[in-house]
Amino acid sequence: MSILENLFYFICLLLIGALIVRVGWKIRYLAPLSFLGTALLVLVILAKSFPSDWEQVQFFSGGQLAPNELALDMLLVVCGAGGVVAFLLSLSVWAIQNDVF
């Protein structure tokens, strides 16, 4: 990413954070929502980008939770992206509430 793209991302993040503060939403409700939304979005993007790998992913085997290596890799990427987005959004909302900027 270029510096301009990162700047655009953080400006959008701060605008979303300011909107959330004005509306009065709580961070404890916002963080799980942003995590789940991002995780599902990344999962769909991965499934559409790599259809042959998506066909080989198995989360369950024999009626029990037994993910294979592709499923574990996919869950790691999805949870990592969701966690980063939830953390950054919570951090920006906290910073705006406490007048850090």
Protein backbone atom coordinates (compact mmCIF):
# COMPACT_ATOMS: atom_id res chain seq x y z
CA MET A 1 0.00 0.00 0.00
CA SER A 2 1.15 3.47 -0.64
CA ILE A 3 1.27 6.19 1.97
CA LEU A 4 -1.73 7.90 0.38
CA GLU A 5 -3.85 4.73 0.65
CA ASN A 6 -2.92 4.35 4.33
CA LEU A 7 -3.78 7.98 4.96
CA PHE A 8 -7.14 7.52 3.24
CA TYR A 9 -7.83 4.41 5.33
CA PHE A 10 -7.10 6.16 8.64
CA ILE A 11 -9.14 9.23 7.69
CA CYS A 12 -12.11 6.98 6.89
CA LEU A 13 -11.56 5.11 10.16
CA LEU A 14 -11.57 8.35 12.14
CA LEU A 15 -14.73 9.53 10.37
CA ILE A 16 -16.48 6.25 11.17
CA GLY A 17 -15.25 6.54 14.77
CA ALA A 18 -16.57 10.10 15.06
CA LEU A 19 -19.94 9.00 13.68
CA ILE A 20 -20.10 6.18 16.21
CA VAL A 21 -19.29 8.56 19.07
CA ARG A 22 -21.98 11.02 17.96
CA VAL A 23 -24.61 8.29 17.65
CA GLY A 24 -23.65 6.98 21.08
CA TRP A 25 -22.90 3.35 20.27
CA LYS A 26 -20.88 1.44 22.83
CA ILE A 27 -17.52 -0.13 21.96
CA ARG A 28 -18.55 -3.40 23.60
CA TYR A 29 -21.33 -3.79 21.02
CA LEU A 30 -19.31 -2.46 18.12
CA ALA A 31 -16.20 -4.66 18.44
CA PRO A 32 -17.95 -8.05 18.00
CA LEU A 33 -20.06 -6.64 15.17
CA SER A 34 -17.02 -5.33 13.29
CA PHE A 35 -15.13 -8.57 13.96
CA LEU A 36 -17.92 -10.77 12.61
CA GLY A 37 -18.59 -8.52 9.63
CA THR A 38 -14.93 -8.42 8.61
CA ALA A 39 -14.44 -12.13 9.24
CA LEU A 40 -17.39 -13.07 7.04
CA LEU A 41 -16.29 -10.64 4.33
CA VAL A 42 -12.75 -12.05 4.28
CA LEU A 43 -14.10 -15.61 4.29
CA VAL A 44 -16.27 -14.87 1.25
CA ILE A 45 -13.37 -13.17 -0.54
CA LEU A 46 -11.11 -16.16 0.13
CA ALA A 47 -13.78 -18.59 -1.04
CA LYS A 48 -14.33 -16.66 -4.29
CA SER A 49 -10.62 -16.08 -4.91
CA PHE A 50 -9.52 -19.70 -4.40
CA PRO A 51 -12.44 -21.96 -5.38
CA SER A 52 -10.32 -25.09 -5.79
CA ASP A 53 -8.92 -24.72 -2.26
CA TRP A 54 -12.39 -23.94 -0.89
CA GLU A 55 -13.66 -27.28 -2.19
CA GLN A 56 -10.96 -29.11 -0.20
CA VAL A 57 -11.60 -27.32 3.08
CA GLN A 58 -13.20 -29.52 5.75
CA PHE A 59 -14.27 -28.15 9.10
CA PHE A 60 -16.04 -31.31 10.28
CA SER A 61 -15.10 -34.96 9.95
CA GLY A 62 -17.22 -37.81 11.25
CA GLY A 63 -19.68 -35.47 12.95
CA GLN A 64 -16.99 -33.82 15.08
CA LEU A 65 -15.07 -30.59 14.72
CA ALA A 66 -11.85 -31.68 13.02
CA PRO A 67 -10.58 -28.98 10.62
CA ASN A 68 -7.92 -29.89 8.11
CA GLU A 69 -4.83 -27.76 7.38
CA LEU A 70 -6.56 -25.56 4.80
CA ALA A 71 -9.42 -24.88 7.20
CA LEU A 72 -7.01 -23.92 9.98
CA ASP A 73 -5.10 -21.58 7.64
CA MET A 74 -8.34 -19.99 6.48
CA LEU A 75 -9.58 -19.53 10.05
CA LEU A 76 -6.24 -17.99 11.04
CA VAL A 77 -6.45 -15.42 8.24
CA VAL A 78 -10.12 -14.66 8.88
CA CYS A 79 -9.72 -14.26 12.65
CA GLY A 80 -6.54 -12.21 12.22
CA ALA A 81 -8.20 -9.77 9.82
CA GLY A 82 -11.29 -9.49 11.99
CA GLY A 83 -9.21 -8.92 15.09
CA VAL A 84 -7.12 -6.19 13.49
CA VAL A 85 -10.19 -4.34 12.21
CA ALA A 86 -12.01 -4.62 15.54
CA PHE A 87 -8.93 -3.38 17.40
CA LEU A 88 -8.35 -0.41 15.09
CA LEU A 89 -11.98 0.63 15.15
CA SER A 90 -12.17 0.32 18.94
CA LEU A 91 -8.92 2.27 19.27
CA SER A 92 -10.17 5.10 17.05
CA VAL A 93 -13.49 5.33 18.95
CA TRP A 94 -11.65 5.37 22.26
CA ALA A 95 -9.25 8.05 20.99
CA ILE A 96 -12.10 10.27 19.82
CA GLN A 97 -14.01 9.84 23.10
CA ASN A 98 -10.94 10.80 25.14
CA ASP A 99 -9.88 13.70 22.84
CA VAL A 100 -6.54 12.18 21.95
CA PHE A 101 -6.48 13.79 18.51
